[in-house]
Each structure stands twice: as C-alpha cells, then as structure tokens.
Amino acid sequence: MKKIETVNIVGMGALGMLYGNMIRESLGTEHITYVMDEKRYERYKDDENSVNGVPVRFSKVKAAAAKPCDLLLVAVKYTGLKDTLDVMETSVGEDTIIISVMNGISSEEIIGARYGADKVIYAIAQGMDAMHFGARLQYTKSGELCVGITDPGMAEKLQCLTAFFDRANIAYTVEKDIRRRMWGKFMVNVGINQTCMVYNTCYAGAMKENSQEAVTLVGAMREVILLANAEGVALTEDDLETYIGILKTLSPDATPSMGQDRINRRPSEVEMFAGTVIEMAKKHGIRVPANEFLYRRVKEIEAEYGSDKQESE
C-alpha cells in the first residue's frame, strides 16, 4: 500500500491552516506545501503565520512551481473553486489522492469531473471552531474528518488515507454512508453559517433559547431535511438534534466562516448554501421561506460592502 509523504494544500484559510499545522506538528514542516496562484503568492509569501498565538512558517509556492503530491487537500471557499481547479493542476499526479474540506455537497463532483472521480475521496470537516483573521488562526477544537467512498474500488486508497491520518494525529471517522453524512453537514452549515452572518452573531447567539436567531437556524435546517428526503437521503429530526449538540460544544464566542466573512467584508458562500437550497426546492416543489429570507439578507449585507470587496481563500 502506498504511503503518503507529500501533502499540497490549496487554500490558507481556517481549515487549510488548521490541517497544515496538525501535519506540521506531527510529521514536520517539510511534508507540507501551500500552493497558490501568482497573485496570492506575491501577497502572502513573506507572511509569518501564527496558530493560537504561536508563530509558524510554512512552505509556499506558485502553482507553476508545484510538484505532483501524494495527497492534495482543497480548502478554499466555494467562490474560489473554479480558479482553484487550475491552480491544482501541477499538484495532481497519476497517484494523487484528493480530498476537499469545503462546505456544501458538490465540490467532490466538480473536482472529480476535472481530475477523475477515482482520485477523490469524500471528506467532511466537522466539530472545529477555527477562526482565521489575516495570517492568524485561532481554535480550541480541531474536530474530526468524516471520510468515505461511494465506489468499493477506492477501498485501498481510503486505507492509505486513513493510515496517513493516524500518522498525522488527525481525528477521523470512516462513514459507511458518506452521502448521508454530507447532507447532514450541509444541513448544519445552511443553518449556522447563514444565521451567524445575517444576525452578526456567534455560536451562542445563534442558539439562544426562544430567540429569532434560533428560530431561523432550525427553520433553515428543517428545510434541508425536506430536500434531503426528496433526494432519497434519510435525514431526520434526530440528525438535526445531533448537529445542534455538536454546535453547543464549540467555543460559544466563536463564529463560523460566513460570520467571519461579514466581519472581514468578504463575499460569502451563500450561493452554495441558500442558493443551492432554493434551486433544489424549485425542482421538488418545496417551500423554503427560511432560506429565502437568509439569501435575501446576505445579498443585502454584501451589497453594503461597497466596491472594495475582495475574494479570500
């Protein structure tokens, strides 16, 4: 069985830095390379990053100088995925395994369409409270990766990946039904990310009992359950309660990625969340008023940023 030694990471936001730092701490900095387009490389090449206040230096290269790696980790925002497909090209070799820790339910299919579904193992990052501001990463919980395959022929590659996680001390669970787990994570992200952005609040604020924030959060999640069921995925109210329980374990004053987007005046992933829900709801004839409200408000908030909007990794 192949042993993973080299890891390229595209995306130096919260999750990209979180996993890069975990690999660095367990295996050494020489195993990780952050790959960037030329513009980002020139902007970030000399940054001294920090993790929980501790200075950290990582290897960063332009995409043109990147080499094929054993494992490619995609950790960008949905708004940057199209460009990322080009940035990834030099990192993908014949035996490269690719995982995406992006939110949503479509990145694996998009990446697989470009580079081959046989290279992509499904992955979901959950249970972390990582917050990224500039070159700084802060977190109290590193969470876990849920990984799985839909093609039994990928079993050896999955085993290779989990063996690497064991060496790198990355917590993981192998899911028998990865599609259901992905819909569950999509459900919680549709709720918590958008609610925190719209109400400009944190995890605790979004779940305050009997608040409008909590009503919106749960309403948006229940709409995803309806869609999942219509798509043949058996999400239930018990799943909703399980994910709410996970949210309650996170740092109460932290905020997820879309909450951070509002603070940093960045374009959000609303199209991947409410945008996807609304489009799918049309196909199934399902009403989704909570997500329609969230979509409208996020667009209003982003319009207030003015002309200085910049996409971020």
C-alpha atoms as a PDB file:
ATOM      1  CA  MET A   1       0.000   0.000   0.000  1.00  0.00           C
ATOM      2  CA  LYS A   2       1.248   3.448  -0.936  1.00  0.00           C
ATOM      3  CA  LYS A   3       2.458   5.671   1.905  1.00  0.00           C
ATOM      4  CA  ILE A   4       1.534   9.346   1.819  1.00  0.00           C
ATOM      5  CA  GLU A   5       4.597  11.541   2.326  1.00  0.00           C
ATOM      6  CA  THR A   6       3.950  14.801   0.471  1.00  0.00           C
ATOM      7  CA  VAL A   7       0.894  16.973   1.032  1.00  0.00           C
ATOM      8  CA  ASN A   8      -0.035  20.016  -1.028  1.00  0.00           C
ATOM      9  CA  ILE A   9      -2.729  22.319   0.318  1.00  0.00           C
ATOM     10  CA  VAL A  10      -4.678  24.821  -1.769  1.00  0.00           C
ATOM     11  CA  GLY A  11      -6.261  27.403   0.498  1.00  0.00           C
ATOM     12  CA  MET A  12      -4.684  29.037   3.537  1.00  0.00           C
ATOM     13  CA  GLY A  13      -7.822  29.972   5.411  1.00  0.00           C
ATOM     14  CA  ALA A  14      -9.087  28.440   8.658  1.00  0.00           C
ATOM     15  CA  LEU A  15      -9.187  24.780   7.627  1.00  0.00           C
ATOM     16  CA  GLY A  16      -6.169  24.933   5.339  1.00  0.00           C
ATOM     17  CA  MET A  17      -4.049  26.303   8.164  1.00  0.00           C
ATOM     18  CA  LEU A  18      -5.617  24.018  10.765  1.00  0.00           C
ATOM     19  CA  TYR A  19      -4.748  20.820   8.919  1.00  0.00           C
ATOM     20  CA  GLY A  20      -1.405  22.115   7.708  1.00  0.00           C
ATOM     21  CA  ASN A  21      -0.425  22.888  11.280  1.00  0.00           C
ATOM     22  CA  MET A  22      -1.589  19.497  12.544  1.00  0.00           C
ATOM     23  CA  ILE A  23       0.530  17.770   9.900  1.00  0.00           C
ATOM     24  CA  ARG A  24       3.477  20.054  10.710  1.00  0.00           C
ATOM     25  CA  GLU A  25       3.279  19.277  14.418  1.00  0.00           C
ATOM     26  CA  SER A  26       3.144  15.507  13.869  1.00  0.00           C
ATOM     27  CA  LEU A  27       5.332  14.930  10.809  1.00  0.00           C
ATOM     28  CA  GLY A  28       7.321  18.099  10.175  1.00  0.00           C
ATOM     29  CA  THR A  29       7.048  21.206   8.011  1.00  0.00           C
ATOM     30  CA  GLU A  30       8.857  19.528   5.104  1.00  0.00           C
ATOM     31  CA  HIS A  31       5.797  17.369   4.374  1.00  0.00           C
ATOM     32  CA  ILE A  32       3.518  20.329   3.550  1.00  0.00           C
ATOM     33  CA  THR A  33       3.436  22.851   0.716  1.00  0.00           C
ATOM     34  CA  TYR A  34       0.815  25.546   0.211  1.00  0.00           C
ATOM     35  CA  VAL A  35       0.133  26.101  -3.483  1.00  0.00           C
ATOM     36  CA  MET A  36      -1.114  29.492  -4.684  1.00  0.00           C
ATOM     37  CA  ASP A  37      -1.758  31.399  -7.859  1.00  0.00           C
ATOM     38  CA  GLU A  38       0.851  34.019  -8.652  1.00  0.00           C
ATOM     39  CA  LYS A  39      -1.141  36.938  -7.223  1.00  0.00           C
ATOM     40  CA  ARG A  40      -1.742  35.262  -3.874  1.00  0.00           C
ATOM     41  CA  TYR A  41       1.825  34.017  -3.698  1.00  0.00           C
ATOM     42  CA  GLU A  42       3.228  37.523  -4.092  1.00  0.00           C
ATOM     43  CA  ARG A  43       0.782  38.780  -1.483  1.00  0.00           C
ATOM     44  CA  TYR A  44       1.346  36.088   1.161  1.00  0.00           C
ATOM     45  CA  LYS A  45       4.819  34.628   0.545  1.00  0.00           C
ATOM     46  CA  ASP A  46       6.524  36.606   3.317  1.00  0.00           C
ATOM     47  CA  ASP A  47       3.736  36.351   5.899  1.00  0.00           C
ATOM     48  CA  GLU A  48       4.627  34.814   9.224  1.00  0.00           C
ATOM     49  CA  ASN A  49       1.510  32.942  10.188  1.00  0.00           C
ATOM     50  CA  SER A  50       0.508  32.185  13.751  1.00  0.00           C
ATOM     51  CA  VAL A  51      -1.600  29.434  15.287  1.00  0.00           C
ATOM     52  CA  ASN A  52      -3.116  30.178  18.685  1.00  0.00           C
ATOM     53  CA  GLY A  53      -0.561  32.945  19.108  1.00  0.00           C
ATOM     54  CA  VAL A  54       2.477  30.820  18.186  1.00  0.00           C
ATOM     55  CA  PRO A  55       4.452  31.981  15.096  1.00  0.00           C
ATOM     56  CA  VAL A  56       4.589  29.343  12.343  1.00  0.00           C
ATOM     57  CA  ARG A  57       6.291  29.332   8.949  1.00  0.00           C
ATOM     58  CA  PHE A  58       5.036  27.204   6.075  1.00  0.00           C
ATOM     59  CA  SER A  59       6.424  26.457   2.631  1.00  0.00           C
ATOM     60  CA  LYS A  60       4.501  28.360  -0.076  1.00  0.00           C
ATOM     61  CA  VAL A  61       4.957  28.062  -3.840  1.00  0.00           C
ATOM     62  CA  LYS A  62       3.405  29.379  -7.020  1.00  0.00           C
ATOM     63  CA  ALA A  63       1.258  26.839  -8.803  1.00  0.00           C
ATOM     64  CA  ALA A  64       3.705  26.870 -11.721  1.00  0.00           C
ATOM     65  CA  ALA A  65       6.444  25.617  -9.390  1.00  0.00           C
ATOM     66  CA  ALA A  66       4.383  22.972  -7.585  1.00  0.00           C
ATOM     67  CA  LYS A  67       5.092  19.285  -7.997  1.00  0.00           C
ATOM     68  CA  PRO A  68       2.689  16.322  -8.007  1.00  0.00           C
ATOM     69  CA  CYS A  69       1.962  15.234  -4.452  1.00  0.00           C
ATOM     70  CA  ASP A  70       0.677  12.139  -2.681  1.00  0.00           C
ATOM     71  CA  LEU A  71      -2.234  13.978  -1.051  1.00  0.00           C
ATOM     72  CA  LEU A  72      -3.882  17.196  -2.237  1.00  0.00           C
ATOM     73  CA  LEU A  73      -6.117  18.947   0.273  1.00  0.00           C
ATOM     74  CA  VAL A  74      -8.536  21.523  -1.151  1.00  0.00           C
ATOM     75  CA  ALA A  75      -9.550  24.083   1.476  1.00  0.00           C
ATOM     76  CA  VAL A  76     -10.860  27.102  -0.432  1.00  0.00           C
ATOM     77  CA  LYS A  77     -14.169  28.911  -0.377  1.00  0.00           C
ATOM     78  CA  TYR A  78     -16.846  27.957  -2.861  1.00  0.00           C
ATOM     79  CA  THR A  79     -16.433  31.323  -4.576  1.00  0.00           C
ATOM     80  CA  GLY A  80     -12.853  30.373  -5.463  1.00  0.00           C
ATOM     81  CA  LEU A  81     -13.331  26.763  -6.576  1.00  0.00           C
ATOM     82  CA  LYS A  82     -13.397  27.488 -10.308  1.00  0.00           C
ATOM     83  CA  ASP A  83      -9.996  29.189 -10.235  1.00  0.00           C
ATOM     84  CA  THR A  84      -8.670  26.575  -7.822  1.00  0.00           C
ATOM     85  CA  LEU A  85      -9.185  23.825 -10.390  1.00  0.00           C
ATOM     86  CA  ASP A  86      -6.476  25.482 -12.480  1.00  0.00           C
ATOM     87  CA  VAL A  87      -4.187  26.118  -9.500  1.00  0.00           C
ATOM     88  CA  MET A  88      -4.370  22.409  -8.607  1.00  0.00           C
ATOM     89  CA  GLU A  89      -3.222  21.151 -11.976  1.00  0.00           C
ATOM     90  CA  THR A  90       0.525  20.925 -11.320  1.00  0.00           C
ATOM     91  CA  SER A  91      -0.084  19.201  -7.973  1.00  0.00           C
ATOM     92  CA  VAL A  92      -2.066  16.295  -9.407  1.00  0.00           C
ATOM     93  CA  GLY A  93      -0.110  13.251 -10.489  1.00  0.00           C
ATOM     94  CA  GLU A  94      -1.155   9.772 -11.526  1.00  0.00           C
ATOM     95  CA  ASP A  95      -1.417   8.512  -7.937  1.00  0.00           C
ATOM     96  CA  THR A  96      -2.514  11.695  -6.153  1.00  0.00           C
ATOM     97  CA  ILE A  97      -5.370  11.346  -3.677  1.00  0.00           C
ATOM     98  CA  ILE A  98      -7.595  14.441  -3.417  1.00  0.00           C
ATOM     99  CA  ILE A  99      -9.828  15.421  -0.520  1.00  0.00           C
ATOM    100  CA  SER A 100     -11.938  18.562  -0.225  1.00  0.00           C
ATOM    101  CA  VAL A 101     -12.793  20.062   3.158  1.00  0.00           C
ATOM    102  CA  MET A 102     -15.041  22.625   1.524  1.00  0.00           C
ATOM    103  CA  ASN A 103     -18.594  23.095   2.699  1.00  0.00           C
ATOM    104  CA  GLY A 104     -21.533  22.004   0.572  1.00  0.00           C
ATOM    105  CA  ILE A 105     -22.433  18.841  -1.297  1.00  0.00           C
ATOM    106  CA  SER A 106     -20.907  19.397  -4.736  1.00  0.00           C
ATOM    107  CA  SER A 107     -17.146  20.068  -4.562  1.00  0.00           C
ATOM    108  CA  GLU A 108     -16.140  16.406  -4.890  1.00  0.00           C
ATOM    109  CA  GLU A 109     -18.170  16.004  -8.058  1.00  0.00           C
ATOM    110  CA  ILE A 110     -16.773  19.230  -9.519  1.00  0.00           C
ATOM    111  CA  ILE A 111     -13.170  18.215  -8.741  1.00  0.00           C
ATOM    112  CA  GLY A 112     -13.773  14.657  -9.942  1.00  0.00           C
ATOM    113  CA  ALA A 113     -15.158  15.894 -13.255  1.00  0.00           C
ATOM    114  CA  ARG A 114     -11.845  17.679 -13.895  1.00  0.00           C
ATOM    115  CA  TYR A 115      -9.313  15.235 -12.470  1.00  0.00           C
ATOM    116  CA  GLY A 116     -11.125  11.915 -12.250  1.00  0.00           C
ATOM    117  CA  ALA A 117     -13.556  10.592  -9.672  1.00  0.00           C
ATOM    118  CA  ASP A 118     -11.069   7.797  -8.920  1.00  0.00           C
ATOM    119  CA  LYS A 119      -8.746  10.345  -7.290  1.00  0.00           C
ATOM    120  CA  VAL A 120     -11.330  11.916  -4.956  1.00  0.00           C
ATOM    121  CA  ILE A 121     -12.235  10.579  -1.519  1.00  0.00           C
ATOM    122  CA  TYR A 122     -15.268  12.212   0.082  1.00  0.00           C
ATOM    123  CA  ALA A 123     -14.473  14.167   3.234  1.00  0.00           C
ATOM    124  CA  ILE A 124     -16.361  16.353   5.682  1.00  0.00           C
ATOM    125  CA  ALA A 125     -14.720  18.522   8.328  1.00  0.00           C
ATOM    126  CA  GLN A 126     -16.815  18.979  11.443  1.00  0.00           C
ATOM    127  CA  GLY A 127     -16.619  19.872  15.116  1.00  0.00           C
ATOM    128  CA  MET A 128     -13.895  22.512  14.869  1.00  0.00           C
ATOM    129  CA  ASP A 129     -14.190  26.168  15.867  1.00  0.00           C
ATOM    130  CA  ALA A 130     -11.264  27.504  13.841  1.00  0.00           C
ATOM    131  CA  MET A 131     -11.315  31.233  13.082  1.00  0.00           C
ATOM    132  CA  HIS A 132      -8.963  32.839  10.563  1.00  0.00           C
ATOM    133  CA  PHE A 133      -8.127  36.534  10.509  1.00  0.00           C
ATOM    134  CA  GLY A 134      -5.327  37.646   8.204  1.00  0.00           C
ATOM    135  CA  ALA A 135      -2.326  35.418   8.891  1.00  0.00           C
ATOM    136  CA  ARG A 136      -3.680  34.309  12.277  1.00  0.00           C
ATOM    137  CA  LEU A 137      -5.531  31.119  13.138  1.00  0.00           C
ATOM    138  CA  GLN A 138      -7.281  30.593  16.448  1.00  0.00           C
ATOM    139  CA  TYR A 139      -9.093  27.480  17.598  1.00  0.00           C
ATOM    140  CA  THR A 140      -9.937  25.473  20.707  1.00  0.00           C
ATOM    141  CA  LYS A 141     -11.308  22.345  18.992  1.00  0.00           C
ATOM    142  CA  SER A 142      -9.749  20.646  15.958  1.00  0.00           C
ATOM    143  CA  GLY A 143     -12.819  18.467  15.303  1.00  0.00           C
ATOM    144  CA  GLU A 144     -12.649  15.472  13.003  1.00  0.00           C
ATOM    145  CA  LEU A 145     -12.802  14.435   9.378  1.00  0.00           C
ATOM    146  CA  CYS A 146     -15.565  12.106   8.231  1.00  0.00           C
ATOM    147  CA  VAL A 147     -14.352  10.227   5.166  1.00  0.00           C
ATOM    148  CA  GLY A 148     -15.875   7.656   2.866  1.00  0.00           C
ATOM    149  CA  ILE A 149     -16.228   6.288  -0.639  1.00  0.00           C
ATOM    150  CA  THR A 150     -19.116   5.501  -2.936  1.00  0.00           C
ATOM    151  CA  ASP A 151     -17.042   3.194  -5.162  1.00  0.00           C
ATOM    152  CA  PRO A 152     -15.789  -0.026  -3.475  1.00  0.00           C
ATOM    153  CA  GLY A 153     -12.847   0.075  -5.860  1.00  0.00           C
ATOM    154  CA  MET A 154     -11.483   3.032  -3.877  1.00  0.00           C
ATOM    155  CA  ALA A 155     -11.066   0.974  -0.681  1.00  0.00           C
ATOM    156  CA  GLU A 156      -7.270   0.748  -0.887  1.00  0.00           C
ATOM    157  CA  LYS A 157      -6.917   4.499  -1.401  1.00  0.00           C
ATOM    158  CA  LEU A 158      -9.187   5.110   1.593  1.00  0.00           C
ATOM    159  CA  GLN A 159      -6.991   2.803   3.677  1.00  0.00           C
ATOM    160  CA  CYS A 160      -3.919   4.718   2.510  1.00  0.00           C
ATOM    161  CA  LEU A 161      -5.546   7.990   3.539  1.00  0.00           C
ATOM    162  CA  THR A 162      -6.595   6.822   6.994  1.00  0.00           C
ATOM    163  CA  ALA A 163      -3.115   5.393   7.616  1.00  0.00           C
ATOM    164  CA  PHE A 164      -1.778   8.891   6.950  1.00  0.00           C
ATOM    165  CA  PHE A 165      -4.327  10.428   9.319  1.00  0.00           C
ATOM    166  CA  ASP A 166      -3.120   8.019  12.010  1.00  0.00           C
ATOM    167  CA  ARG A 167       0.466   9.179  11.499  1.00  0.00           C
ATOM    168  CA  ALA A 168      -0.537  12.843  11.445  1.00  0.00           C
ATOM    169  CA  ASN A 169      -2.786  12.546  14.524  1.00  0.00           C
ATOM    170  CA  ILE A 170      -5.804  13.792  12.594  1.00  0.00           C
ATOM    171  CA  ALA A 171      -9.043  12.515  14.113  1.00  0.00           C
ATOM    172  CA  TYR A 172     -11.352  10.826  11.626  1.00  0.00           C
ATOM    173  CA  THR A 173     -14.340   8.531  11.211  1.00  0.00           C
ATOM    174  CA  VAL A 174     -14.874   6.248   8.225  1.00  0.00           C
ATOM    175  CA  GLU A 175     -18.507   6.610   7.166  1.00  0.00           C
ATOM    176  CA  LYS A 176     -20.423   3.714   5.639  1.00  0.00           C
ATOM    177  CA  ASP A 177     -22.947   6.165   4.146  1.00  0.00           C
ATOM    178  CA  ILE A 178     -20.863   9.205   3.300  1.00  0.00           C
ATOM    179  CA  ARG A 179     -23.626  10.776   1.209  1.00  0.00           C
ATOM    180  CA  ARG A 180     -25.956  10.931   4.215  1.00  0.00           C
ATOM    181  CA  ARG A 181     -23.206  12.410   6.355  1.00  0.00           C
ATOM    182  CA  MET A 182     -22.505  15.057   3.715  1.00  0.00           C
ATOM    183  CA  TRP A 183     -26.158  16.070   3.673  1.00  0.00           C
ATOM    184  CA  GLY A 184     -26.095  16.289   7.462  1.00  0.00           C
ATOM    185  CA  LYS A 185     -23.112  18.626   7.411  1.00  0.00           C
ATOM    186  CA  PHE A 186     -24.752  20.631   4.636  1.00  0.00           C
ATOM    187  CA  MET A 187     -27.843  20.957   6.826  1.00  0.00           C
ATOM    188  CA  VAL A 188     -25.965  22.347   9.805  1.00  0.00           C
ATOM    189  CA  ASN A 189     -23.915  24.720   7.655  1.00  0.00           C
ATOM    190  CA  VAL A 190     -27.008  26.070   5.922  1.00  0.00           C
ATOM    191  CA  GLY A 191     -28.318  26.861   9.382  1.00  0.00           C
ATOM    192  CA  ILE A 192     -25.372  28.075  11.447  1.00  0.00           C
ATOM    193  CA  ASN A 193     -23.263  29.836   8.812  1.00  0.00           C
ATOM    194  CA  GLN A 194     -26.045  31.919   7.355  1.00  0.00           C
ATOM    195  CA  THR A 195     -27.700  32.679  10.696  1.00  0.00           C
ATOM    196  CA  CYS A 196     -24.441  33.931  12.206  1.00  0.00           C
ATOM    197  CA  MET A 197     -23.793  36.166   9.212  1.00  0.00           C
ATOM    198  CA  VAL A 198     -27.299  37.610   8.960  1.00  0.00           C
ATOM    199  CA  TYR A 199     -27.591  38.339  12.682  1.00  0.00           C
ATOM    200  CA  ASN A 200     -23.910  39.229  13.101  1.00  0.00           C
ATOM    201  CA  THR A 201     -23.596  36.794  15.964  1.00  0.00           C
ATOM    202  CA  CYS A 202     -21.603  33.877  17.370  1.00  0.00           C
ATOM    203  CA  TYR A 203     -22.434  30.227  18.023  1.00  0.00           C
ATOM    204  CA  ALA A 204     -24.027  31.011  21.391  1.00  0.00           C
ATOM    205  CA  GLY A 205     -26.051  33.893  19.963  1.00  0.00           C
ATOM    206  CA  ALA A 206     -27.418  31.753  17.157  1.00  0.00           C
ATOM    207  CA  MET A 207     -28.675  29.143  19.608  1.00  0.00           C
ATOM    208  CA  LYS A 208     -30.076  31.396  22.331  1.00  0.00           C
ATOM    209  CA  GLU A 209     -33.288  29.806  23.517  1.00  0.00           C
ATOM    210  CA  ASN A 210     -36.538  31.286  22.123  1.00  0.00           C
ATOM    211  CA  SER A 211     -34.611  33.848  20.039  1.00  0.00           C
ATOM    212  CA  GLN A 212     -35.310  34.804  16.432  1.00  0.00           C
ATOM    213  CA  GLU A 213     -31.810  33.612  15.627  1.00  0.00           C
ATOM    214  CA  ALA A 214     -32.590  30.104  16.900  1.00  0.00           C
ATOM    215  CA  VAL A 215     -35.920  30.028  15.042  1.00  0.00           C
ATOM    216  CA  THR A 216     -34.148  30.927  11.806  1.00  0.00           C
ATOM    217  CA  LEU A 217     -31.347  28.428  12.420  1.00  0.00           C
ATOM    218  CA  VAL A 218     -33.670  25.480  13.000  1.00  0.00           C
ATOM    219  CA  GLY A 219     -36.074  26.534  10.246  1.00  0.00           C
ATOM    220  CA  ALA A 220     -33.304  26.603   7.652  1.00  0.00           C
ATOM    221  CA  MET A 221     -32.048  23.190   8.780  1.00  0.00           C
ATOM    222  CA  ARG A 222     -35.515  21.630   8.599  1.00  0.00           C
ATOM    223  CA  GLU A 223     -35.856  22.803   5.020  1.00  0.00           C
ATOM    224  CA  VAL A 224     -32.684  20.854   4.191  1.00  0.00           C
ATOM    225  CA  ILE A 225     -34.202  17.746   5.778  1.00  0.00           C
ATOM    226  CA  LEU A 226     -37.170  18.064   3.428  1.00  0.00           C
ATOM    227  CA  LEU A 227     -34.866  18.373   0.425  1.00  0.00           C
ATOM    228  CA  ALA A 228     -32.660  15.501   1.510  1.00  0.00           C
ATOM    229  CA  ASN A 229     -35.685  13.245   1.871  1.00  0.00           C
ATOM    230  CA  ALA A 230     -36.864  14.294  -1.593  1.00  0.00           C
ATOM    231  CA  GLU A 231     -33.399  13.328  -2.904  1.00  0.00           C
ATOM    232  CA  GLY A 232     -33.593   9.914  -1.278  1.00  0.00           C
ATOM    233  CA  VAL A 233     -31.389  10.705   1.727  1.00  0.00           C
ATOM    234  CA  ALA A 234     -32.925   9.751   5.073  1.00  0.00           C
ATOM    235  CA  LEU A 235     -32.094  12.783   7.235  1.00  0.00           C
ATOM    236  CA  THR A 236     -34.335  13.111  10.288  1.00  0.00           C
ATOM    237  CA  GLU A 237     -35.136  15.400  13.185  1.00  0.00           C
ATOM    238  CA  ASP A 238     -32.769  13.271  15.283  1.00  0.00           C
ATOM    239  CA  ASP A 239     -29.931  14.275  12.952  1.00  0.00           C
ATOM    240  CA  LEU A 240     -30.850  17.915  13.468  1.00  0.00           C
ATOM    241  CA  GLU A 241     -30.671  17.477  17.250  1.00  0.00           C
ATOM    242  CA  THR A 242     -27.330  15.670  16.951  1.00  0.00           C
ATOM    243  CA  TYR A 243     -25.786  18.529  14.987  1.00  0.00           C
ATOM    244  CA  ILE A 244     -27.206  21.151  17.327  1.00  0.00           C
ATOM    245  CA  GLY A 245     -25.487  19.194  20.095  1.00  0.00           C
ATOM    246  CA  ILE A 246     -22.186  19.385  18.227  1.00  0.00           C
ATOM    247  CA  LEU A 247     -22.567  23.150  17.792  1.00  0.00           C
ATOM    248  CA  LYS A 248     -23.049  23.517  21.547  1.00  0.00           C
ATOM    249  CA  THR A 249     -19.597  22.004  22.157  1.00  0.00           C
ATOM    250  CA  LEU A 250     -17.844  24.727  20.151  1.00  0.00           C
ATOM    251  CA  SER A 251     -16.372  27.901  21.587  1.00  0.00           C
ATOM    252  CA  PRO A 252     -19.538  29.960  22.281  1.00  0.00           C
ATOM    253  CA  ASP A 253     -17.951  33.277  21.311  1.00  0.00           C
ATOM    254  CA  ALA A 254     -16.538  31.973  18.013  1.00  0.00           C
ATOM    255  CA  THR A 255     -18.297  32.388  14.688  1.00  0.00           C
ATOM    256  CA  PRO A 256     -18.264  30.168  11.561  1.00  0.00           C
ATOM    257  CA  SER A 257     -16.869  31.099   8.160  1.00  0.00           C
ATOM    258  CA  MET A 258     -19.780  33.252   6.977  1.00  0.00           C
ATOM    259  CA  GLY A 259     -19.787  35.147  10.259  1.00  0.00           C
ATOM    260  CA  GLN A 260     -16.099  35.803   9.642  1.00  0.00           C
ATOM    261  CA  ASP A 261     -16.918  36.882   6.087  1.00  0.00           C
ATOM    262  CA  ARG A 262     -19.174  39.628   7.415  1.00  0.00           C
ATOM    263  CA  ILE A 263     -16.530  40.823   9.869  1.00  0.00           C
ATOM    264  CA  ASN A 264     -13.909  40.901   7.099  1.00  0.00           C
ATOM    265  CA  ARG A 265     -16.324  42.265   4.457  1.00  0.00           C
ATOM    266  CA  ARG A 266     -15.713  39.304   2.150  1.00  0.00           C
ATOM    267  CA  PRO A 267     -18.062  37.647  -0.339  1.00  0.00           C
ATOM    268  CA  SER A 268     -19.754  34.689   1.332  1.00  0.00           C
ATOM    269  CA  GLU A 269     -20.736  31.185   0.279  1.00  0.00           C
ATOM    270  CA  VAL A 270     -24.458  31.965   0.276  1.00  0.00           C
ATOM    271  CA  GLU A 271     -24.859  30.573  -3.249  1.00  0.00           C
ATOM    272  CA  MET A 272     -23.573  27.217  -2.041  1.00  0.00           C
ATOM    273  CA  PHE A 273     -25.983  27.240   0.918  1.00  0.00           C
ATOM    274  CA  ALA A 274     -29.290  29.082   0.461  1.00  0.00           C
ATOM    275  CA  GLY A 275     -28.703  29.359  -3.282  1.00  0.00           C
ATOM    276  CA  THR A 276     -28.460  25.582  -3.617  1.00  0.00           C
ATOM    277  CA  VAL A 277     -31.438  25.009  -1.302  1.00  0.00           C
ATOM    278  CA  ILE A 278     -33.640  27.410  -3.276  1.00  0.00           C
ATOM    279  CA  GLU A 279     -32.770  25.873  -6.645  1.00  0.00           C
ATOM    280  CA  MET A 280     -33.323  22.323  -5.439  1.00  0.00           C
ATOM    281  CA  ALA A 281     -36.585  23.334  -3.763  1.00  0.00           C
ATOM    282  CA  LYS A 282     -37.911  24.547  -7.116  1.00  0.00           C
ATOM    283  CA  LYS A 283     -37.218  21.134  -8.620  1.00  0.00           C
ATOM    284  CA  HIS A 284     -39.159  19.363  -5.874  1.00  0.00           C
ATOM    285  CA  GLY A 285     -41.892  21.945  -5.328  1.00  0.00           C
ATOM    286  CA  ILE A 286     -40.875  22.517  -1.698  1.00  0.00           C
ATOM    287  CA  ARG A 287     -41.296  25.848   0.112  1.00  0.00           C
ATOM    288  CA  VAL A 288     -38.128  27.139   1.797  1.00  0.00           C
ATOM    289  CA  PRO A 289     -39.009  30.530   3.345  1.00  0.00           C
ATOM    290  CA  ALA A 290     -36.198  30.499   5.924  1.00  0.00           C
ATOM    291  CA  ASN A 291     -33.532  30.073   3.272  1.00  0.00           C
ATOM    292  CA  GLU A 292     -35.186  32.615   1.004  1.00  0.00           C
ATOM    293  CA  PHE A 293     -35.038  35.123   3.873  1.00  0.00           C
ATOM    294  CA  LEU A 294     -31.386  34.294   4.593  1.00  0.00           C
ATOM    295  CA  TYR A 295     -30.412  34.539   0.929  1.00  0.00           C
ATOM    296  CA  ARG A 296     -32.057  37.944   0.571  1.00  0.00           C
ATOM    297  CA  ARG A 297     -30.459  39.338   3.744  1.00  0.00           C
ATOM    298  CA  VAL A 298     -26.961  38.052   2.917  1.00  0.00           C
ATOM    299  CA  LYS A 299     -27.149  39.686  -0.500  1.00  0.00           C
ATOM    300  CA  GLU A 300     -28.223  42.957   1.145  1.00  0.00           C
ATOM    301  CA  ILE A 301     -25.331  42.765   3.600  1.00  0.00           C
ATOM    302  CA  GLU A 302     -22.808  42.059   0.861  1.00  0.00           C
ATOM    303  CA  ALA A 303     -24.158  44.971  -1.196  1.00  0.00           C
ATOM    304  CA  GLU A 304     -23.300  47.245   1.731  1.00  0.00           C
ATOM    305  CA  TYR A 305     -19.602  46.367   1.447  1.00  0.00           C
ATOM    306  CA  GLY A 306     -19.238  48.769  -1.464  1.00  0.00           C
ATOM    307  CA  SER A 307     -16.681  48.434  -4.223  1.00  0.00           C
ATOM    308  CA  ASP A 308     -13.800  47.173  -2.092  1.00  0.00           C
ATOM    309  CA  LYS A 309     -14.886  43.541  -1.961  1.00  0.00           C
ATOM    310  CA  GLN A 310     -12.125  41.023  -2.397  1.00  0.00           C
ATOM    311  CA  GLU A 311     -12.374  37.278  -2.524  1.00  0.00           C
ATOM    312  CA  SER A 312     -10.313  35.463   0.055  1.00  0.00           C
ATOM    313  CA  GLU A 313      -9.025  31.939   0.299  1.00  0.00           C
END
